[in-house]
Amino acid sequence: MSFYYRMQNCVQPDVYANAAFTTQQTIGQTYEMTLVPPSGIIVDFCWRVDGLANDGISASIQNDYGINGCNLCTGAPAPTPPPSVYTWYFNAVQGNGSFVKPTACVNAPVRVYSEASSLSQVTCGTTKFHLDASLNQPFIGSNQYYIGVNSSGPATGEASFLIQNDGTVTSKFDCSGFNLCGGGPTPTPTPTPTPTPTPLNLGEPHG
């Protein structure tokens, strides 16, 4: 007989997954276990029993950390993201952006990841956004505009990005719609020096 419970992730409390156990569980019981949430992205191996569920998948338990033991569980994220990955938030999920360039920034609650640490580090044609911290799943932008912000949590956007299907930013704009990828400053033209004419010597006049 199986007992089904909704599990809450210790690292990202907004992530849940249903698990099947062979014994009844206590709310708050914390395990290190290989449980895959519906998104398919394993954010961390530490899970806490949150409540009852109607179904669930069997998951292998590595360690038992007791009641409310999230602070004791050291289950590593899988896969471990490199230290140069940064959290961003967008105003919409992939494919649900806008075909019209925004001229105002709004709240951005959708978490994404990038190697760009700030807005100034977002390079058009190079910087990519991903769905996972391991940078394996590109954010499929559908050539639409998304309002984003580099933040530890949902916040008001700081710019908008035009993103391709492979997650690459092709253009970026400030909140008023000004193009931030318009290239560097116009170079100051250097005047071409005018050569000084050499006097023409016609020789001595003949008498």
N, C-alpha and C. Protein backbone atom coordinates (compact mmCIF):
# COMPACT_ATOMS: atom_id res chain seq x y z
N MET A 1 0.85 -1.20 0.00
CA MET A 1 0.00 0.00 0.00
C MET A 1 0.87 1.24 0.00
N SER A 2 0.46 2.24 -0.77
CA SER A 2 1.22 3.49 -0.84
C SER A 2 0.46 4.63 -0.19
N PHE A 3 1.24 5.56 0.37
CA PHE A 3 0.69 6.76 0.98
C PHE A 3 1.25 7.95 0.20
N TYR A 4 0.36 8.83 -0.22
CA TYR A 4 0.77 9.93 -1.09
C TYR A 4 0.82 11.25 -0.32
N TYR A 5 1.90 12.00 -0.56
CA TYR A 5 2.07 13.29 0.12
C TYR A 5 2.62 14.34 -0.84
N ARG A 6 2.18 15.58 -0.60
CA ARG A 6 2.74 16.70 -1.35
C ARG A 6 4.01 17.14 -0.64
N MET A 7 5.11 17.24 -1.40
CA MET A 7 6.40 17.61 -0.84
C MET A 7 6.77 19.03 -1.27
N GLN A 8 7.32 19.78 -0.33
CA GLN A 8 7.76 21.15 -0.59
C GLN A 8 9.29 21.20 -0.61
N ASN A 9 9.84 21.82 -1.64
CA ASN A 9 11.30 21.89 -1.74
C ASN A 9 11.86 22.84 -0.70
N CYS A 10 12.97 22.46 -0.08
CA CYS A 10 13.56 23.27 0.98
C CYS A 10 14.23 24.54 0.45
N VAL A 11 14.83 24.47 -0.72
CA VAL A 11 15.57 25.60 -1.26
C VAL A 11 14.65 26.58 -1.97
N GLN A 12 13.69 26.05 -2.75
CA GLN A 12 12.71 26.88 -3.43
C GLN A 12 11.32 26.49 -2.93
N PRO A 13 10.83 27.16 -1.90
CA PRO A 13 9.56 26.78 -1.26
C PRO A 13 8.34 26.86 -2.18
N ASP A 14 8.48 27.50 -3.35
CA ASP A 14 7.36 27.57 -4.27
C ASP A 14 7.32 26.37 -5.22
N VAL A 15 8.24 25.42 -5.03
CA VAL A 15 8.29 24.23 -5.87
C VAL A 15 7.75 23.04 -5.08
N TYR A 16 6.78 22.32 -5.66
CA TYR A 16 6.17 21.17 -5.00
C TYR A 16 6.21 19.95 -5.92
N ALA A 17 6.15 18.77 -5.33
CA ALA A 17 6.06 17.52 -6.08
C ALA A 17 5.38 16.48 -5.19
N ASN A 18 4.64 15.57 -5.80
CA ASN A 18 3.95 14.53 -5.05
C ASN A 18 4.80 13.27 -4.98
N ALA A 19 4.87 12.68 -3.80
CA ALA A 19 5.69 11.49 -3.60
C ALA A 19 4.86 10.37 -3.00
N ALA A 20 5.27 9.14 -3.31
CA ALA A 20 4.62 7.96 -2.76
C ALA A 20 5.52 7.32 -1.71
N PHE A 21 4.95 7.00 -0.54
CA PHE A 21 5.70 6.36 0.54
C PHE A 21 5.02 5.03 0.90
N THR A 22 5.78 4.15 1.48
CA THR A 22 5.22 2.86 1.92
C THR A 22 4.69 2.95 3.35
N THR A 23 5.00 4.06 4.03
CA THR A 23 4.51 4.28 5.40
C THR A 23 3.90 5.67 5.51
N GLN A 24 3.06 5.86 6.51
CA GLN A 24 2.47 7.17 6.73
C GLN A 24 3.54 8.15 7.21
N GLN A 25 3.37 9.41 6.80
CA GLN A 25 4.35 10.44 7.11
C GLN A 25 3.77 11.51 8.03
N THR A 26 4.67 12.23 8.67
CA THR A 26 4.29 13.34 9.54
C THR A 26 4.56 14.65 8.82
N ILE A 27 3.61 15.58 8.89
CA ILE A 27 3.79 16.88 8.25
C ILE A 27 5.06 17.53 8.81
N GLY A 28 5.91 18.01 7.92
CA GLY A 28 7.17 18.64 8.33
C GLY A 28 8.37 17.72 8.23
N GLN A 29 8.12 16.41 8.10
CA GLN A 29 9.23 15.47 7.98
C GLN A 29 10.09 15.84 6.76
N THR A 30 11.40 15.86 6.95
CA THR A 30 12.31 16.33 5.91
C THR A 30 13.24 15.21 5.46
N TYR A 31 13.35 15.07 4.13
CA TYR A 31 14.19 14.03 3.56
C TYR A 31 15.12 14.60 2.49
N GLU A 32 16.26 13.94 2.34
CA GLU A 32 17.07 14.15 1.14
C GLU A 32 16.67 13.03 0.20
N MET A 33 16.06 13.40 -0.95
CA MET A 33 15.51 12.39 -1.84
C MET A 33 15.54 12.88 -3.29
N THR A 34 15.64 11.94 -4.22
CA THR A 34 15.69 12.28 -5.65
C THR A 34 14.27 12.35 -6.19
N LEU A 35 13.60 13.46 -5.90
CA LEU A 35 12.22 13.68 -6.30
C LEU A 35 12.20 14.72 -7.42
N VAL A 36 11.55 14.39 -8.52
CA VAL A 36 11.50 15.29 -9.67
C VAL A 36 10.15 16.01 -9.70
N PRO A 37 10.14 17.35 -9.64
CA PRO A 37 8.88 18.10 -9.69
C PRO A 37 8.28 18.07 -11.10
N PRO A 38 7.03 18.52 -11.27
CA PRO A 38 6.37 18.49 -12.59
C PRO A 38 7.15 19.22 -13.68
N SER A 39 7.92 20.23 -13.32
CA SER A 39 8.69 20.97 -14.32
C SER A 39 9.81 20.14 -14.92
N GLY A 40 10.18 19.05 -14.22
CA GLY A 40 11.28 18.22 -14.68
C GLY A 40 12.64 18.74 -14.25
N ILE A 41 12.66 19.87 -13.56
CA ILE A 41 13.92 20.48 -13.13
C ILE A 41 14.12 20.23 -11.64
N ILE A 42 15.14 19.48 -11.28
CA ILE A 42 15.43 19.21 -9.87
C ILE A 42 16.20 20.40 -9.31
N VAL A 43 15.57 21.16 -8.44
CA VAL A 43 16.23 22.35 -7.90
C VAL A 43 17.10 22.00 -6.71
N ASP A 44 16.73 20.97 -5.96
CA ASP A 44 17.50 20.56 -4.80
C ASP A 44 16.96 19.22 -4.31
N PHE A 45 17.79 18.45 -3.63
CA PHE A 45 17.38 17.13 -3.17
C PHE A 45 16.67 17.15 -1.81
N CYS A 46 16.53 18.32 -1.19
CA CYS A 46 15.92 18.39 0.14
C CYS A 46 14.43 18.72 0.02
N TRP A 47 13.57 17.87 0.62
CA TRP A 47 12.13 18.03 0.52
C TRP A 47 11.48 17.85 1.89
N ARG A 48 10.39 18.58 2.11
CA ARG A 48 9.65 18.55 3.37
C ARG A 48 8.22 18.11 3.09
N VAL A 49 7.68 17.22 3.92
CA VAL A 49 6.30 16.77 3.76
C VAL A 49 5.37 17.95 4.08
N ASP A 50 4.55 18.33 3.07
CA ASP A 50 3.71 19.52 3.22
C ASP A 50 2.24 19.17 3.47
N GLY A 51 1.80 18.04 2.95
CA GLY A 51 0.41 17.66 3.13
C GLY A 51 0.08 16.42 2.33
N LEU A 52 -1.19 16.03 2.35
CA LEU A 52 -1.63 14.84 1.64
C LEU A 52 -1.78 15.12 0.15
N ALA A 53 -1.67 14.06 -0.66
CA ALA A 53 -1.85 14.17 -2.11
C ALA A 53 -2.67 12.99 -2.59
N ASN A 54 -3.20 13.10 -3.80
CA ASN A 54 -4.01 12.03 -4.37
C ASN A 54 -3.19 11.01 -5.14
N ASP A 55 -1.96 11.38 -5.47
CA ASP A 55 -1.08 10.47 -6.18
C ASP A 55 0.36 10.87 -5.89
N GLY A 56 1.30 10.18 -6.48
CA GLY A 56 2.69 10.51 -6.26
C GLY A 56 3.60 9.48 -6.89
N ILE A 57 4.87 9.82 -7.00
CA ILE A 57 5.86 8.91 -7.57
C ILE A 57 6.80 8.43 -6.47
N SER A 58 7.28 7.24 -6.61
CA SER A 58 8.21 6.69 -5.63
C SER A 58 9.58 7.34 -5.80
N ALA A 59 10.18 7.77 -4.73
CA ALA A 59 11.49 8.43 -4.78
C ALA A 59 12.41 7.80 -3.75
N SER A 60 13.65 7.66 -4.14
CA SER A 60 14.66 7.07 -3.25
C SER A 60 15.06 8.07 -2.17
N ILE A 61 15.00 7.64 -0.90
CA ILE A 61 15.37 8.50 0.22
C ILE A 61 16.82 8.21 0.62
N GLN A 62 17.66 9.26 0.59
CA GLN A 62 19.06 9.12 0.99
C GLN A 62 19.27 9.35 2.49
N ASN A 63 18.58 10.38 3.03
CA ASN A 63 18.75 10.71 4.44
C ASN A 63 17.45 11.23 5.02
N ASP A 64 17.29 11.06 6.33
CA ASP A 64 16.13 11.53 7.07
C ASP A 64 16.60 12.60 8.04
N TYR A 65 16.03 13.82 7.92
CA TYR A 65 16.46 14.94 8.77
C TYR A 65 15.41 15.34 9.79
N GLY A 66 14.42 14.48 10.02
CA GLY A 66 13.46 14.74 11.08
C GLY A 66 12.44 15.81 10.72
N ILE A 67 11.71 16.24 11.75
CA ILE A 67 10.66 17.24 11.57
C ILE A 67 11.27 18.62 11.33
N ASN A 68 10.80 19.30 10.27
CA ASN A 68 11.26 20.66 9.93
C ASN A 68 12.79 20.74 9.89
N GLY A 69 13.41 19.79 9.23
CA GLY A 69 14.87 19.73 9.20
C GLY A 69 15.50 20.31 7.96
N CYS A 70 14.82 21.23 7.30
CA CYS A 70 15.39 21.82 6.08
C CYS A 70 16.74 22.47 6.33
N ASN A 71 16.91 23.09 7.51
CA ASN A 71 18.19 23.75 7.79
C ASN A 71 19.32 22.76 8.00
N LEU A 72 18.99 21.49 8.22
CA LEU A 72 20.02 20.47 8.42
C LEU A 72 20.36 19.75 7.13
N CYS A 73 19.43 19.75 6.19
CA CYS A 73 19.62 19.00 4.95
C CYS A 73 20.62 19.72 4.04
N THR A 74 21.59 18.99 3.57
CA THR A 74 22.62 19.58 2.72
C THR A 74 22.58 18.99 1.31
N GLY A 75 21.43 18.48 0.92
CA GLY A 75 21.31 17.90 -0.42
C GLY A 75 21.71 18.91 -1.48
N ALA A 76 22.63 18.53 -2.34
CA ALA A 76 23.15 19.46 -3.34
C ALA A 76 22.17 19.61 -4.50
N PRO A 77 22.14 20.78 -5.12
CA PRO A 77 21.31 20.94 -6.31
C PRO A 77 21.77 19.96 -7.39
N ALA A 78 20.87 19.59 -8.25
CA ALA A 78 21.24 18.67 -9.32
C ALA A 78 20.70 19.17 -10.65
N PRO A 79 21.56 19.43 -11.59
CA PRO A 79 23.01 19.48 -11.46
C PRO A 79 23.47 20.76 -10.79
N THR A 80 24.69 20.77 -10.30
CA THR A 80 25.21 21.94 -9.59
C THR A 80 25.51 23.06 -10.58
N PRO A 81 24.87 24.20 -10.44
CA PRO A 81 25.14 25.29 -11.38
C PRO A 81 26.51 25.92 -11.10
N PRO A 82 27.19 26.40 -12.13
CA PRO A 82 28.46 27.08 -11.92
C PRO A 82 28.24 28.38 -11.15
N PRO A 83 29.27 28.87 -10.50
CA PRO A 83 29.09 30.09 -9.69
C PRO A 83 28.79 31.33 -10.51
N SER A 84 28.97 31.25 -11.82
CA SER A 84 28.77 32.43 -12.66
C SER A 84 27.36 32.51 -13.25
N VAL A 85 26.40 31.79 -12.65
CA VAL A 85 25.01 31.84 -13.11
C VAL A 85 24.21 32.75 -12.19
N TYR A 86 23.39 33.60 -12.79
CA TYR A 86 22.67 34.61 -12.01
C TYR A 86 21.16 34.49 -12.25
N THR A 87 20.41 34.84 -11.22
CA THR A 87 18.95 34.75 -11.28
C THR A 87 18.36 36.05 -11.82
N TRP A 88 17.47 35.89 -12.77
CA TRP A 88 16.71 37.01 -13.33
C TRP A 88 15.22 36.68 -13.21
N TYR A 89 14.40 37.70 -13.38
CA TYR A 89 12.96 37.49 -13.38
C TYR A 89 12.36 38.21 -14.58
N PHE A 90 11.44 37.51 -15.28
CA PHE A 90 10.75 38.06 -16.44
C PHE A 90 9.28 38.29 -16.10
N ASN A 91 8.62 39.11 -16.91
CA ASN A 91 7.19 39.39 -16.67
C ASN A 91 6.28 38.31 -17.24
N ALA A 92 6.83 37.39 -18.07
CA ALA A 92 5.98 36.37 -18.69
C ALA A 92 6.77 35.10 -18.93
N VAL A 93 6.05 33.98 -19.01
CA VAL A 93 6.69 32.71 -19.31
C VAL A 93 7.07 32.70 -20.79
N GLN A 94 7.95 31.75 -21.17
CA GLN A 94 8.40 31.68 -22.55
C GLN A 94 7.24 31.51 -23.52
N GLY A 95 7.31 32.23 -24.64
CA GLY A 95 6.25 32.17 -25.64
C GLY A 95 5.06 33.04 -25.35
N ASN A 96 5.06 33.70 -24.19
CA ASN A 96 3.91 34.52 -23.79
C ASN A 96 4.32 35.98 -23.62
N GLY A 97 5.38 36.37 -24.36
CA GLY A 97 5.82 37.76 -24.30
C GLY A 97 4.95 38.64 -25.17
N SER A 98 5.53 39.74 -25.66
CA SER A 98 4.77 40.70 -26.47
C SER A 98 5.47 40.89 -27.81
N PHE A 99 4.67 41.02 -28.87
CA PHE A 99 5.23 41.32 -30.19
C PHE A 99 5.41 42.83 -30.37
N VAL A 100 4.91 43.59 -29.40
CA VAL A 100 5.05 45.05 -29.42
C VAL A 100 6.06 45.46 -28.36
N LYS A 101 7.01 46.29 -28.75
CA LYS A 101 8.04 46.72 -27.79
C LYS A 101 7.41 47.49 -26.63
N PRO A 102 7.65 47.06 -25.38
CA PRO A 102 7.09 47.78 -24.22
C PRO A 102 7.71 49.17 -24.07
N THR A 103 6.94 50.07 -23.54
CA THR A 103 7.44 51.42 -23.24
C THR A 103 7.27 51.73 -21.76
N ALA A 104 7.02 50.70 -20.96
CA ALA A 104 6.93 50.84 -19.50
C ALA A 104 7.25 49.49 -18.89
N CYS A 105 7.89 49.50 -17.73
CA CYS A 105 8.26 48.25 -17.06
C CYS A 105 7.21 47.86 -16.03
N VAL A 106 6.95 46.56 -15.93
CA VAL A 106 5.96 46.02 -15.01
C VAL A 106 6.61 44.98 -14.11
N ASN A 107 5.81 44.40 -13.22
CA ASN A 107 6.34 43.38 -12.31
C ASN A 107 6.79 42.14 -13.08
N ALA A 108 7.90 41.56 -12.62
CA ALA A 108 8.47 40.38 -13.27
C ALA A 108 8.55 39.24 -12.26
N PRO A 109 7.62 38.25 -12.32
CA PRO A 109 7.59 37.16 -11.33
C PRO A 109 8.15 35.82 -11.81
N VAL A 110 8.54 35.72 -13.10
CA VAL A 110 8.94 34.43 -13.66
C VAL A 110 10.46 34.28 -13.59
N ARG A 111 10.93 33.28 -12.86
CA ARG A 111 12.38 33.11 -12.65
C ARG A 111 13.06 32.46 -13.85
N VAL A 112 14.18 33.06 -14.28
CA VAL A 112 15.02 32.51 -15.35
C VAL A 112 16.48 32.69 -14.93
N TYR A 113 17.40 32.19 -15.76
CA TYR A 113 18.82 32.23 -15.39
C TYR A 113 19.67 32.69 -16.56
N SER A 114 20.81 33.30 -16.23
CA SER A 114 21.73 33.76 -17.26
C SER A 114 23.12 33.90 -16.67
N GLU A 115 24.11 33.94 -17.55
CA GLU A 115 25.48 34.20 -17.11
C GLU A 115 25.74 35.69 -16.96
N ALA A 116 24.78 36.52 -17.39
CA ALA A 116 24.92 37.97 -17.23
C ALA A 116 24.59 38.36 -15.80
N SER A 117 25.49 39.07 -15.17
CA SER A 117 25.31 39.42 -13.75
C SER A 117 24.53 40.71 -13.55
N SER A 118 24.34 41.49 -14.61
CA SER A 118 23.61 42.74 -14.50
C SER A 118 23.14 43.16 -15.88
N LEU A 119 22.32 44.21 -15.93
CA LEU A 119 21.81 44.69 -17.20
C LEU A 119 22.94 45.11 -18.14
N SER A 120 23.97 45.74 -17.58
CA SER A 120 25.08 46.19 -18.42
C SER A 120 25.86 45.04 -19.02
N GLN A 121 25.74 43.83 -18.41
CA GLN A 121 26.45 42.66 -18.90
C GLN A 121 25.66 41.90 -19.97
N VAL A 122 24.43 42.32 -20.22
CA VAL A 122 23.62 41.68 -21.27
C VAL A 122 24.08 42.22 -22.61
N THR A 123 24.69 41.34 -23.41
CA THR A 123 25.23 41.73 -24.71
C THR A 123 24.33 41.21 -25.82
N CYS A 124 23.84 42.12 -26.65
CA CYS A 124 22.94 41.72 -27.73
C CYS A 124 23.67 40.81 -28.71
N GLY A 125 22.99 39.72 -29.07
CA GLY A 125 23.56 38.75 -29.99
C GLY A 125 24.40 37.68 -29.32
N THR A 126 24.66 37.83 -28.02
CA THR A 126 25.52 36.87 -27.31
C THR A 126 24.86 36.30 -26.05
N THR A 127 24.34 37.18 -25.21
CA THR A 127 23.76 36.75 -23.92
C THR A 127 22.52 35.89 -24.14
N LYS A 128 22.43 34.80 -23.37
CA LYS A 128 21.28 33.91 -23.45
C LYS A 128 20.61 33.78 -22.09
N PHE A 129 19.30 33.52 -22.11
CA PHE A 129 18.55 33.23 -20.90
C PHE A 129 18.08 31.78 -20.96
N HIS A 130 18.01 31.14 -19.76
CA HIS A 130 17.65 29.73 -19.67
C HIS A 130 16.58 29.51 -18.61
N LEU A 131 15.92 28.36 -18.69
CA LEU A 131 14.89 28.00 -17.71
C LEU A 131 15.51 27.39 -16.46
N ASP A 132 16.72 26.85 -16.58
CA ASP A 132 17.33 26.15 -15.46
C ASP A 132 18.70 26.73 -15.13
N ALA A 133 19.10 26.56 -13.86
CA ALA A 133 20.37 27.10 -13.39
C ALA A 133 21.57 26.40 -14.00
N SER A 134 21.35 25.24 -14.61
CA SER A 134 22.44 24.52 -15.26
C SER A 134 22.64 24.99 -16.70
N LEU A 135 21.77 25.89 -17.15
CA LEU A 135 21.85 26.48 -18.49
C LEU A 135 21.75 25.42 -19.59
N ASN A 136 20.94 24.40 -19.35
CA ASN A 136 20.74 23.35 -20.34
C ASN A 136 19.46 23.57 -21.16
N GLN A 137 18.49 24.29 -20.60
CA GLN A 137 17.21 24.49 -21.28
C GLN A 137 17.04 25.96 -21.65
N PRO A 138 17.19 26.29 -22.93
CA PRO A 138 17.07 27.70 -23.32
C PRO A 138 15.66 28.23 -23.12
N PHE A 139 15.58 29.51 -22.82
CA PHE A 139 14.29 30.20 -22.73
C PHE A 139 13.84 30.46 -24.17
N ILE A 140 12.76 29.80 -24.58
CA ILE A 140 12.28 29.91 -25.97
C ILE A 140 11.49 31.22 -26.10
N GLY A 141 12.16 32.24 -26.59
CA GLY A 141 11.57 33.57 -26.59
C GLY A 141 10.57 33.84 -27.69
N SER A 142 10.57 33.03 -28.76
CA SER A 142 9.63 33.20 -29.88
C SER A 142 9.72 34.58 -30.51
N ASN A 143 10.93 35.19 -30.45
CA ASN A 143 11.15 36.53 -31.01
C ASN A 143 10.15 37.54 -30.46
N GLN A 144 9.92 37.45 -29.15
CA GLN A 144 9.01 38.37 -28.47
C GLN A 144 9.78 39.19 -27.44
N TYR A 145 9.11 40.23 -26.94
CA TYR A 145 9.70 41.10 -25.93
C TYR A 145 9.32 40.62 -24.53
N TYR A 146 10.30 40.66 -23.63
CA TYR A 146 10.07 40.30 -22.23
C TYR A 146 10.70 41.37 -21.34
N ILE A 147 9.98 41.75 -20.32
CA ILE A 147 10.51 42.71 -19.35
C ILE A 147 11.23 41.93 -18.27
N GLY A 148 12.46 42.32 -17.96
CA GLY A 148 13.27 41.54 -17.02
C GLY A 148 13.99 42.39 -16.00
N VAL A 149 14.48 41.69 -14.96
CA VAL A 149 15.25 42.35 -13.91
C VAL A 149 16.18 41.33 -13.27
N ASN A 150 17.40 41.75 -12.99
CA ASN A 150 18.36 40.92 -12.27
C ASN A 150 18.07 41.09 -10.78
N SER A 151 17.53 40.03 -10.15
CA SER A 151 17.04 40.18 -8.78
C SER A 151 17.03 38.82 -8.09
N SER A 152 17.01 38.85 -6.76
CA SER A 152 16.92 37.61 -5.98
C SER A 152 15.48 37.16 -5.82
N GLY A 153 14.53 37.97 -6.27
CA GLY A 153 13.13 37.63 -6.18
C GLY A 153 12.33 38.49 -7.13
N PRO A 154 11.03 38.19 -7.30
CA PRO A 154 10.18 38.99 -8.20
C PRO A 154 10.28 40.48 -7.87
N ALA A 155 10.35 41.29 -8.92
CA ALA A 155 10.51 42.73 -8.74
C ALA A 155 10.06 43.44 -10.02
N THR A 156 10.00 44.76 -9.97
CA THR A 156 9.67 45.54 -11.15
C THR A 156 10.83 45.47 -12.14
N GLY A 157 10.52 45.24 -13.40
CA GLY A 157 11.55 45.11 -14.41
C GLY A 157 12.40 46.36 -14.57
N GLU A 158 13.59 46.18 -15.13
CA GLU A 158 14.50 47.30 -15.35
C GLU A 158 14.78 47.53 -16.83
N ALA A 159 14.33 46.60 -17.68
CA ALA A 159 14.56 46.72 -19.12
C ALA A 159 13.69 45.70 -19.83
N SER A 160 13.63 45.79 -21.16
CA SER A 160 12.94 44.78 -21.95
C SER A 160 13.93 44.18 -22.95
N PHE A 161 13.72 42.89 -23.25
CA PHE A 161 14.61 42.16 -24.14
C PHE A 161 13.81 41.51 -25.26
N LEU A 162 14.36 41.55 -26.47
CA LEU A 162 13.81 40.80 -27.59
C LEU A 162 14.61 39.50 -27.65
N ILE A 163 13.92 38.35 -27.51
CA ILE A 163 14.61 37.08 -27.31
C ILE A 163 14.22 36.07 -28.38
N GLN A 164 15.22 35.39 -28.95
CA GLN A 164 15.00 34.38 -29.97
C GLN A 164 14.63 33.04 -29.33
N ASN A 165 14.37 32.05 -30.19
CA ASN A 165 13.96 30.73 -29.69
C ASN A 165 15.07 29.98 -28.98
N ASP A 166 16.33 30.36 -29.20
CA ASP A 166 17.42 29.70 -28.48
C ASP A 166 17.82 30.45 -27.22
N GLY A 167 16.99 31.45 -26.84
CA GLY A 167 17.25 32.20 -25.62
C GLY A 167 18.16 33.40 -25.79
N THR A 168 18.64 33.65 -27.01
CA THR A 168 19.57 34.75 -27.24
C THR A 168 18.85 36.10 -27.29
N VAL A 169 19.42 37.07 -26.59
CA VAL A 169 18.90 38.44 -26.61
C VAL A 169 19.40 39.12 -27.89
N THR A 170 18.48 39.58 -28.72
CA THR A 170 18.88 40.27 -29.95
C THR A 170 18.81 41.79 -29.80
N SER A 171 17.99 42.27 -28.87
CA SER A 171 17.90 43.71 -28.60
C SER A 171 17.54 43.91 -27.14
N LYS A 172 17.96 45.04 -26.58
CA LYS A 172 17.53 45.39 -25.22
C LYS A 172 17.19 46.87 -25.18
N PHE A 173 16.21 47.21 -24.35
CA PHE A 173 15.69 48.56 -24.29
C PHE A 173 15.47 48.96 -22.83
N ASP A 174 15.58 50.25 -22.55
CA ASP A 174 15.24 50.69 -21.20
C ASP A 174 13.72 50.74 -21.09
N CYS A 175 13.23 51.15 -19.92
CA CYS A 175 11.78 51.08 -19.66
C CYS A 175 10.97 52.03 -20.55
N SER A 176 11.61 53.02 -21.12
CA SER A 176 10.90 53.94 -22.01
C SER A 176 10.96 53.50 -23.46
N GLY A 177 11.71 52.40 -23.73
CA GLY A 177 11.80 51.90 -25.09
C GLY A 177 13.04 52.34 -25.84
N PHE A 178 13.98 53.01 -25.15
CA PHE A 178 15.21 53.46 -25.80
C PHE A 178 16.14 52.29 -26.03
N ASN A 179 16.68 52.18 -27.23
CA ASN A 179 17.55 51.07 -27.60
C ASN A 179 18.88 51.16 -26.87
N LEU A 180 19.18 50.13 -26.07
CA LEU A 180 20.44 50.11 -25.32
C LEU A 180 21.52 49.32 -26.05
N CYS A 181 21.18 48.77 -27.21
CA CYS A 181 22.16 48.02 -28.00
C CYS A 181 22.44 48.73 -29.31
N GLY A 182 22.39 50.04 -29.29
CA GLY A 182 22.56 50.79 -30.53
C GLY A 182 23.99 51.01 -30.92
N GLY A 183 24.93 50.34 -30.25
CA GLY A 183 26.34 50.53 -30.58
C GLY A 183 26.96 51.62 -29.74
N GLY A 184 28.21 51.85 -29.92
CA GLY A 184 28.95 52.84 -29.15
C GLY A 184 28.69 54.25 -29.66
N PRO A 185 29.36 55.23 -29.06
CA PRO A 185 29.18 56.62 -29.49
C PRO A 185 29.71 56.81 -30.91
N THR A 186 29.09 57.77 -31.62
CA THR A 186 29.54 58.06 -32.98
C THR A 186 30.94 58.64 -32.92
N PRO A 187 31.88 58.07 -33.68
CA PRO A 187 33.25 58.57 -33.61
C PRO A 187 33.35 59.99 -34.15
N THR A 188 34.19 60.79 -33.55
CA THR A 188 34.42 62.16 -34.00
C THR A 188 35.26 62.12 -35.27
N PRO A 189 34.76 62.70 -36.35
CA PRO A 189 35.55 62.65 -37.60
C PRO A 189 36.86 63.42 -37.46
N THR A 190 37.89 62.85 -38.01
CA THR A 190 39.21 63.49 -37.99
C THR A 190 39.39 64.26 -39.29
N PRO A 191 39.62 65.58 -39.20
CA PRO A 191 39.77 66.35 -40.44
C PRO A 191 41.02 65.92 -41.20
N THR A 192 40.88 65.89 -42.50
CA THR A 192 42.02 65.56 -43.36
C THR A 192 42.88 66.80 -43.54
N PRO A 193 44.17 66.73 -43.21
CA PRO A 193 45.01 67.94 -43.34
C PRO A 193 45.12 68.37 -44.80
N THR A 194 45.02 69.68 -45.01
CA THR A 194 45.14 70.24 -46.36
C THR A 194 46.61 70.49 -46.66
N PRO A 195 47.14 69.93 -47.75
CA PRO A 195 48.58 70.15 -48.04
C PRO A 195 48.85 71.60 -48.41
N THR A 196 49.99 72.09 -47.96
CA THR A 196 50.40 73.47 -48.28
C THR A 196 50.96 73.49 -49.70
N PRO A 197 50.42 74.34 -50.58
CA PRO A 197 50.92 74.37 -51.97
C PRO A 197 52.37 74.85 -52.05
N THR A 198 53.13 74.21 -52.91
CA THR A 198 54.53 74.60 -53.12
C THR A 198 54.59 75.65 -54.23
N PRO A 199 55.25 76.81 -53.99
CA PRO A 199 55.34 77.87 -55.05
C PRO A 199 56.02 77.33 -56.30
N LEU A 200 55.51 77.69 -57.44
CA LEU A 200 56.06 77.23 -58.71
C LEU A 200 57.17 78.18 -59.18
N ASN A 201 58.37 77.64 -59.40
CA ASN A 201 59.51 78.47 -59.83
C ASN A 201 59.58 78.45 -61.37
N LEU A 202 59.32 79.62 -61.98
CA LEU A 202 59.31 79.72 -63.44
C LEU A 202 60.66 80.10 -64.02
N GLY A 203 61.66 80.26 -63.13
CA GLY A 203 63.00 80.61 -63.62
C GLY A 203 63.16 82.12 -63.85
N GLU A 204 64.38 82.53 -64.24
CA GLU A 204 64.65 83.95 -64.47
C GLU A 204 64.08 84.40 -65.84
N PRO A 205 63.53 85.61 -65.85
CA PRO A 205 63.03 86.09 -67.15
C PRO A 205 64.17 86.37 -68.12
N HIS A 206 63.98 86.16 -69.43
CA HIS A 206 65.02 86.40 -70.44
C HIS A 206 64.87 87.82 -70.99
N GLY A 207 66.05 88.52 -71.21
CA GLY A 207 66.03 89.89 -71.73
C GLY A 207 66.24 89.93 -73.20
